[in-house]
Amino acid sequence: MNLLESELHYPLGDQLPEPGSTLEVAPGVRWVRMVLPFALNHINLWLLRDEIDGRQGWSVVDCCISRDEAREQWEQIFATQLEGLPILRVIVTHMHPDHIGLADWLCTRWNAPLWISATDYNVARVLTTAGDNAAGGEEAADFFAAHGLLDADSIAKIRARTSYYSNMVPSVPKNYVRMMDGDQVLIGGRAWRCISGYGHAPEHISLYCEELNVLLGGDMMLPRISSNVSVHAGEPESNPLRLFLQSIKRFNELPADVLGLPAHGKPFTGVHKRVRQLEDHHRDHLAALMEACSQRALTAAEALPVLFKRALDLHQMTFAMGETVAHLHYLWFSGQLRRTRGEDGIYRFGLPGRG
């Protein structure tokens, strides 16, 4: 446990649900944990006891990526954890593959509707049908090159990675139920309030139940790692870090002892403390970039080691590049840095008034 983690409280300690099983963390709320084949090696999913139109069953919150191991684990859960009841709906916090990947399979398997924000639904549908312009393909390769990634082998691999998203999200349901900020979703007779968040995903939806004092924070409120906040080729002039920092302040409105159920990590209390930790984390990153860019104008590729000290594989590096651009854009939009584009077509960020 690192220093920041030690400032939070983990009421279940090191207890984790067994593969193919669940662990009750609050009345009617069960924790599912599935393996991911990435450096971030797991995702937390949730089963909520539910009733819709007099029909007893469960709502699923998030799904895992589309892979045989996840489907097999879901089948174990269906067979042993549902008390013979069906899945009534599939709720997805946002459109990232580990959250929506198996949504279409689950919805089809149980004839259940998908609940998600309109923005994330439509982005997911585009990426599954029109190709990925964020993590791979021509647009992504050109975007990273414009921000100083000059390694020809890396650029070639990014250019060839045209089905990154659709490999993990082969399809999404053809229709959905829209979730919006402030909506009250009745789940098992309890009201869960939708809280929108921006910067990590287009329109992330967290869910808070006042009766249980539980927050399903998705990726907007993680206890151990900071959510990736990136600029990408699909929205190259964006300022997602400003949106993310604005969004997480909303969790300070919840009770100080709310139980946070994150998409990664363990259930925790100390959400207000975690908001401050994340604000400090990004403030320190911004200060480090300001210091580096005060010496000379830097590309995002040149600035990346300022924020990320460890060796990165290509998968991690593309996320790190997007996050570095996000921090540079925050400083650029706020007028603290100036962005220029050289004759070589590459963006550089330096102090205003300097070349």
Protein backbone atom coordinates (compact mmCIF):
# COMPACT_ATOMS: atom_id res chain seq x y z
CA MET A 1 0.00 0.00 0.00
CA ASN A 2 1.44 3.37 -1.02
CA LEU A 3 1.28 6.53 1.10
CA LEU A 4 -1.82 7.90 -0.63
CA GLU A 5 -3.66 4.60 -0.27
CA SER A 6 -2.90 4.56 3.45
CA GLU A 7 -4.90 7.78 3.83
CA LEU A 8 -8.02 5.91 2.68
CA HIS A 9 -9.91 3.16 4.47
CA TYR A 10 -10.68 -0.24 2.98
CA PRO A 11 -13.52 -1.77 5.01
CA LEU A 12 -13.08 -5.23 3.45
CA GLY A 13 -9.31 -5.23 3.89
CA ASP A 14 -7.69 -7.50 1.33
CA GLN A 15 -10.81 -9.60 0.81
CA LEU A 16 -11.65 -10.17 -2.87
CA PRO A 17 -14.42 -12.12 -4.59
CA GLU A 18 -13.33 -15.50 -5.90
CA PRO A 19 -13.23 -15.93 -9.69
CA GLY A 20 -16.70 -16.83 -10.94
CA SER A 21 -18.25 -15.80 -7.62
CA THR A 22 -19.50 -12.63 -5.91
CA LEU A 23 -19.04 -10.83 -2.61
CA GLU A 24 -21.82 -8.78 -1.02
CA VAL A 25 -20.52 -5.31 -0.12
CA ALA A 26 -23.87 -3.66 0.78
CA PRO A 27 -27.46 -4.95 0.95
CA GLY A 28 -28.35 -6.17 -2.53
CA VAL A 29 -24.98 -5.11 -3.99
CA ARG A 30 -22.55 -7.83 -5.07
CA TRP A 31 -18.98 -7.42 -6.27
CA VAL A 32 -17.63 -9.31 -9.29
CA ARG A 33 -13.94 -9.11 -10.21
CA MET A 34 -12.64 -10.19 -13.64
CA VAL A 35 -9.13 -10.43 -15.06
CA LEU A 36 -7.94 -8.08 -17.81
CA PRO A 37 -4.96 -8.89 -20.08
CA PHE A 38 -3.31 -5.51 -19.48
CA ALA A 39 -1.01 -3.87 -16.96
CA LEU A 40 -4.25 -2.81 -15.25
CA ASN A 41 -5.10 -6.45 -14.71
CA HIS A 42 -8.66 -6.45 -13.37
CA ILE A 43 -12.03 -4.74 -13.48
CA ASN A 44 -14.75 -4.63 -10.84
CA LEU A 45 -18.30 -5.29 -12.00
CA TRP A 46 -21.44 -5.13 -9.90
CA LEU A 47 -24.70 -7.03 -9.51
CA LEU A 48 -27.61 -5.09 -8.01
CA ARG A 49 -30.71 -6.92 -6.78
CA ASP A 50 -33.58 -5.51 -8.80
CA GLU A 51 -37.24 -5.66 -9.72
CA ILE A 52 -38.75 -4.25 -12.89
CA ASP A 53 -42.49 -4.34 -13.59
CA GLY A 54 -42.96 -6.90 -10.84
CA ARG A 55 -40.26 -9.17 -12.22
CA GLN A 56 -37.48 -10.11 -9.81
CA GLY A 57 -33.88 -10.23 -11.00
CA TRP A 58 -30.59 -8.37 -11.20
CA SER A 59 -29.07 -5.34 -12.85
CA VAL A 60 -25.47 -5.62 -14.06
CA VAL A 61 -23.17 -2.59 -13.83
CA ASP A 62 -20.34 -2.85 -16.42
CA CYS A 63 -19.38 -5.92 -18.38
CA CYS A 64 -15.63 -6.58 -19.07
CA ILE A 65 -14.04 -6.75 -22.51
CA SER A 66 -15.21 -9.30 -25.04
CA ARG A 67 -13.08 -12.40 -24.43
CA ASP A 68 -13.83 -16.07 -23.86
CA GLU A 69 -12.49 -16.05 -20.29
CA ALA A 70 -14.91 -13.30 -19.29
CA ARG A 71 -17.87 -15.04 -20.92
CA GLU A 72 -16.97 -18.27 -19.09
CA GLN A 73 -16.77 -16.41 -15.80
CA TRP A 74 -20.13 -14.77 -16.42
CA GLU A 75 -21.63 -18.19 -17.12
CA GLN A 76 -20.33 -19.41 -13.75
CA ILE A 77 -21.97 -16.42 -12.08
CA PHE A 78 -25.24 -17.02 -13.90
CA ALA A 79 -25.23 -20.63 -12.74
CA THR A 80 -24.30 -20.04 -9.09
CA GLN A 81 -24.89 -16.44 -8.02
CA LEU A 82 -28.25 -15.25 -9.39
CA GLU A 83 -30.51 -17.35 -7.14
CA GLY A 84 -32.25 -18.60 -10.27
CA LEU A 85 -33.24 -15.07 -11.30
CA PRO A 86 -32.57 -13.31 -14.63
CA ILE A 87 -30.54 -10.28 -15.59
CA LEU A 88 -33.10 -7.52 -16.10
CA ARG A 89 -30.89 -4.73 -17.44
CA VAL A 90 -27.27 -3.94 -18.24
CA ILE A 91 -25.96 -0.59 -16.99
CA VAL A 92 -22.70 0.70 -18.48
CA THR A 93 -20.88 3.61 -16.84
CA HIS A 94 -19.00 4.55 -20.03
CA MET A 95 -17.83 3.37 -23.43
CA HIS A 96 -14.33 2.09 -22.68
CA PRO A 97 -13.86 -1.54 -23.74
CA ASP A 98 -13.48 -3.05 -20.27
CA HIS A 99 -16.86 -1.55 -19.34
CA ILE A 100 -18.95 -2.07 -22.47
CA GLY A 101 -17.20 -4.92 -24.30
CA LEU A 102 -19.68 -7.67 -23.41
CA ALA A 103 -22.78 -5.47 -23.18
CA ASP A 104 -24.27 -6.70 -26.45
CA TRP A 105 -23.63 -10.32 -25.47
CA LEU A 106 -25.23 -9.83 -22.05
CA CYS A 107 -28.20 -7.94 -23.45
CA THR A 108 -28.79 -10.61 -26.08
CA ARG A 109 -28.20 -13.46 -23.64
CA TRP A 110 -30.89 -12.15 -21.27
CA ASN A 111 -33.08 -10.09 -23.61
CA ALA A 112 -32.24 -7.14 -21.36
CA PRO A 113 -31.92 -3.45 -22.28
CA LEU A 114 -28.70 -1.44 -22.20
CA TRP A 115 -28.66 1.68 -20.00
CA ILE A 116 -25.93 4.21 -20.80
CA SER A 117 -25.43 7.92 -21.56
CA ALA A 118 -26.30 8.95 -25.10
CA THR A 119 -22.84 10.35 -25.79
CA ASP A 120 -21.00 7.20 -24.79
CA TYR A 121 -23.46 4.95 -26.59
CA ASN A 122 -23.02 6.79 -29.85
CA VAL A 123 -19.23 7.00 -29.57
CA ALA A 124 -19.10 3.24 -28.90
CA ARG A 125 -21.36 2.54 -31.87
CA VAL A 126 -19.19 4.64 -34.17
CA LEU A 127 -15.99 2.95 -33.00
CA THR A 128 -17.42 -0.54 -33.51
CA THR A 129 -18.62 0.21 -37.04
CA ALA A 130 -16.45 2.99 -38.50
CA GLY A 131 -13.06 2.07 -37.04
CA ASP A 132 -10.93 3.35 -34.21
CA ASN A 133 -9.48 6.83 -34.65
CA ALA A 134 -8.28 7.19 -31.05
CA ALA A 135 -5.92 4.28 -30.38
CA GLY A 136 -4.97 3.31 -33.91
CA GLY A 137 -5.21 3.90 -37.63
CA GLU A 138 -4.14 6.75 -39.88
CA GLU A 139 -5.67 9.53 -37.79
CA ALA A 140 -4.14 8.32 -34.53
CA ALA A 141 -0.71 7.86 -36.12
CA ASP A 142 -0.83 11.37 -37.60
CA PHE A 143 -1.97 12.78 -34.27
CA PHE A 144 0.87 11.22 -32.31
CA ALA A 145 3.39 12.23 -34.98
CA ALA A 146 2.14 15.83 -34.80
CA HIS A 147 2.93 15.74 -31.09
CA GLY A 148 6.49 14.62 -31.60
CA LEU A 149 6.38 10.83 -31.64
CA LEU A 150 9.07 10.23 -34.25
CA ASP A 151 9.89 6.56 -33.76
CA ALA A 152 9.05 5.03 -37.13
CA ASP A 153 8.37 1.56 -35.73
CA SER A 154 5.90 2.89 -33.13
CA ILE A 155 4.11 5.03 -35.69
CA ALA A 156 3.86 2.07 -38.07
CA LYS A 157 2.37 -0.13 -35.34
CA ILE A 158 -0.16 2.55 -34.40
CA ARG A 159 -1.08 3.04 -38.06
CA ALA A 160 -1.65 -0.71 -38.41
CA ARG A 161 -3.76 -0.93 -35.25
CA THR A 162 -7.09 -0.29 -36.95
CA SER A 163 -9.31 -2.69 -34.99
CA TYR A 164 -8.09 -2.08 -31.43
CA TYR A 165 -11.52 -1.08 -30.10
CA SER A 166 -13.66 -3.47 -32.13
CA ASN A 167 -11.51 -6.44 -31.07
CA MET A 168 -12.66 -5.82 -27.50
CA VAL A 169 -16.09 -4.38 -28.35
CA PRO A 170 -17.27 -6.28 -31.43
CA SER A 171 -20.78 -4.79 -31.27
CA VAL A 172 -23.16 -2.78 -29.13
CA PRO A 173 -26.94 -3.20 -28.82
CA LYS A 174 -28.95 -1.51 -31.54
CA ASN A 175 -30.92 0.52 -28.99
CA TYR A 176 -30.50 1.75 -25.44
CA VAL A 177 -32.09 3.59 -22.51
CA ARG A 178 -30.55 6.99 -21.98
CA MET A 179 -29.04 7.95 -18.62
CA MET A 180 -28.52 11.63 -17.84
CA ASP A 181 -27.13 13.68 -15.00
CA GLY A 182 -29.60 13.98 -12.15
CA ASP A 183 -31.78 11.05 -13.25
CA GLN A 184 -33.09 8.84 -10.46
CA VAL A 185 -32.88 5.18 -11.43
CA LEU A 186 -35.00 2.90 -9.25
CA ILE A 187 -33.08 -0.34 -8.66
CA GLY A 188 -34.57 -2.88 -6.30
CA GLY A 189 -36.81 -0.23 -4.77
CA ARG A 190 -33.87 2.08 -4.02
CA ALA A 191 -33.17 5.34 -5.83
CA TRP A 192 -29.74 5.68 -7.47
CA ARG A 193 -28.84 9.17 -8.72
CA CYS A 194 -26.89 9.58 -11.96
CA ILE A 195 -23.80 11.80 -11.67
CA SER A 196 -22.21 12.72 -14.98
CA GLY A 197 -18.46 13.10 -15.28
CA TYR A 198 -16.26 14.29 -18.10
CA GLY A 199 -12.62 14.16 -19.13
CA HIS A 200 -12.03 10.43 -18.78
CA ALA A 201 -14.86 9.46 -21.13
CA PRO A 202 -17.31 11.53 -23.17
CA GLU A 203 -20.18 11.32 -20.64
CA HIS A 204 -19.38 8.93 -17.80
CA ILE A 205 -22.25 8.07 -15.45
CA SER A 206 -21.60 7.27 -11.77
CA LEU A 207 -24.46 6.14 -9.55
CA TYR A 208 -25.10 7.17 -5.93
CA CYS A 209 -27.63 5.57 -3.58
CA GLU A 210 -28.45 7.76 -0.59
CA GLU A 211 -30.28 4.95 1.23
CA LEU A 212 -27.20 2.71 1.12
CA ASN A 213 -24.66 5.58 1.11
CA VAL A 214 -22.89 3.83 -1.77
CA LEU A 215 -21.21 5.35 -4.83
CA LEU A 216 -20.66 3.28 -7.95
CA GLY A 217 -17.86 5.50 -9.19
CA GLY A 218 -16.80 3.64 -12.33
CA ASP A 219 -13.50 5.13 -13.51
CA MET A 220 -14.18 8.64 -12.21
CA MET A 221 -13.29 7.80 -8.62
CA LEU A 222 -10.50 5.22 -8.25
CA PRO A 223 -8.66 4.72 -4.95
CA ARG A 224 -5.19 3.68 -6.10
CA ILE A 225 -4.55 4.95 -9.62
CA SER A 226 -5.56 8.14 -11.37
CA SER A 227 -7.98 7.78 -14.28
CA ASN A 228 -6.47 8.32 -17.69
CA VAL A 229 -7.35 11.78 -19.01
CA SER A 230 -6.31 12.09 -22.64
CA VAL A 231 -6.53 14.18 -25.75
CA HIS A 232 -6.96 11.92 -28.78
CA ALA A 233 -7.22 12.14 -32.54
CA GLY A 234 -11.01 12.16 -32.53
CA GLU A 235 -11.08 15.43 -30.56
CA PRO A 236 -7.59 16.89 -30.98
CA GLU A 237 -8.32 20.39 -29.67
CA SER A 238 -9.97 19.33 -26.41
CA ASN A 239 -9.23 20.27 -22.80
CA PRO A 240 -10.26 17.10 -20.92
CA LEU A 241 -8.23 17.74 -17.77
CA ARG A 242 -10.26 20.87 -17.02
CA LEU A 243 -13.44 18.81 -17.42
CA PHE A 244 -12.13 16.00 -15.23
CA LEU A 245 -11.08 18.31 -12.39
CA GLN A 246 -14.43 20.08 -12.52
CA SER A 247 -16.25 16.74 -12.48
CA ILE A 248 -14.57 15.14 -9.47
CA LYS A 249 -15.40 18.15 -7.28
CA ARG A 250 -19.02 16.97 -7.41
CA PHE A 251 -18.14 13.96 -5.26
CA ASN A 252 -17.42 16.37 -2.39
CA GLU A 253 -21.18 16.93 -2.24
CA LEU A 254 -21.67 13.33 -1.09
CA PRO A 255 -21.38 12.29 2.58
CA ALA A 256 -17.80 12.04 3.83
CA ASP A 257 -18.31 8.38 4.78
CA VAL A 258 -19.80 7.25 1.45
CA LEU A 259 -18.63 3.77 0.40
CA GLY A 260 -16.86 4.06 -2.94
CA LEU A 261 -17.19 1.08 -5.24
CA PRO A 262 -14.58 1.67 -7.97
CA ALA A 263 -14.06 -0.01 -11.32
CA HIS A 264 -10.46 -0.81 -10.34
CA GLY A 265 -9.05 -1.34 -6.86
CA LYS A 266 -10.95 -2.17 -3.68
CA PRO A 267 -14.08 -0.70 -2.04
CA PHE A 268 -13.03 2.27 0.06
CA THR A 269 -14.12 5.20 2.16
CA GLY A 270 -12.45 8.59 2.01
CA VAL A 271 -13.86 9.92 -1.27
CA HIS A 272 -13.33 13.55 -0.24
CA LYS A 273 -9.70 12.80 0.59
CA ARG A 274 -9.31 11.06 -2.75
CA VAL A 275 -10.63 14.12 -4.60
CA ARG A 276 -7.93 16.20 -2.91
CA GLN A 277 -5.29 13.61 -3.75
CA LEU A 278 -6.25 13.66 -7.42
CA GLU A 279 -6.27 17.45 -7.49
CA ASP A 280 -2.80 17.49 -5.93
CA HIS A 281 -1.57 14.83 -8.36
CA HIS A 282 -2.58 16.82 -11.40
CA ARG A 283 -1.40 20.11 -9.91
CA ASP A 284 2.05 18.57 -9.39
CA HIS A 285 2.09 17.28 -12.98
CA LEU A 286 1.15 20.71 -14.29
CA ALA A 287 3.88 22.37 -12.20
CA ALA A 288 6.47 19.88 -13.45
CA LEU A 289 5.49 20.57 -17.06
CA MET A 290 5.62 24.33 -16.52
CA GLU A 291 9.13 23.98 -15.15
CA ALA A 292 10.25 21.79 -18.06
CA CYS A 293 8.67 24.00 -20.71
CA SER A 294 10.19 27.13 -19.17
CA GLN A 295 13.62 25.88 -20.26
CA ARG A 296 12.61 25.38 -23.91
CA ALA A 297 9.52 24.62 -25.92
CA LEU A 298 8.75 20.89 -25.82
CA THR A 299 6.69 18.47 -27.83
CA ALA A 300 4.42 16.10 -25.94
CA ALA A 301 6.82 13.24 -26.74
CA GLU A 302 9.68 15.22 -25.22
CA ALA A 303 7.57 16.14 -22.19
CA LEU A 304 6.26 12.62 -21.60
CA PRO A 305 9.22 11.51 -19.39
CA VAL A 306 8.48 14.45 -17.09
CA LEU A 307 5.20 12.76 -16.12
CA PHE A 308 5.98 9.08 -16.70
CA LYS A 309 9.29 7.86 -15.28
CA ARG A 310 8.97 4.13 -15.95
CA ALA A 311 9.45 2.21 -19.19
CA LEU A 312 6.25 1.95 -21.22
CA ASP A 313 5.12 -0.53 -23.84
CA LEU A 314 3.29 0.77 -26.92
CA HIS A 315 -0.15 0.27 -25.34
CA GLN A 316 0.86 2.26 -22.25
CA MET A 317 2.77 4.85 -24.27
CA THR A 318 -0.24 5.86 -26.35
CA PHE A 319 -2.23 6.46 -23.16
CA ALA A 320 0.71 8.37 -21.68
CA MET A 321 1.02 10.53 -24.81
CA GLY A 322 -2.67 11.38 -24.67
CA GLU A 323 -2.40 12.29 -21.00
CA THR A 324 0.71 14.42 -21.56
CA VAL A 325 -1.10 16.34 -24.31
CA ALA A 326 -4.05 16.80 -21.95
CA HIS A 327 -1.84 18.45 -19.33
CA LEU A 328 -0.13 20.62 -21.94
CA HIS A 329 -3.51 21.63 -23.35
CA TYR A 330 -4.71 22.61 -19.87
CA LEU A 331 -1.74 24.97 -19.55
CA TRP A 332 -2.19 26.20 -23.12
CA PHE A 333 -5.92 26.91 -22.77
CA SER A 334 -5.30 28.74 -19.50
CA GLY A 335 -2.66 30.94 -21.17
CA GLN A 336 0.26 29.65 -19.12
CA LEU A 337 1.90 28.04 -22.16
CA ARG A 338 1.91 28.96 -25.83
CA ARG A 339 1.42 26.32 -28.52
CA THR A 340 3.19 26.68 -31.85
CA ARG A 341 3.41 24.41 -34.88
CA GLY A 342 6.73 24.33 -36.66
CA GLU A 343 7.54 23.90 -40.31
CA ASP A 344 7.99 20.22 -39.52
CA GLY A 345 4.28 20.04 -38.61
CA ILE A 346 4.99 19.30 -34.95
CA TYR A 347 3.35 21.08 -32.00
CA ARG A 348 5.56 22.53 -29.27
CA PHE A 349 4.62 24.13 -25.98
CA GLY A 350 6.65 26.90 -24.40
CA LEU A 351 6.35 30.07 -22.40
CA PRO A 352 4.37 32.92 -23.99
CA GLY A 353 6.64 35.39 -25.71
CA ARG A 354 9.28 32.78 -26.50
CA GLY A 355 9.79 30.83 -29.69
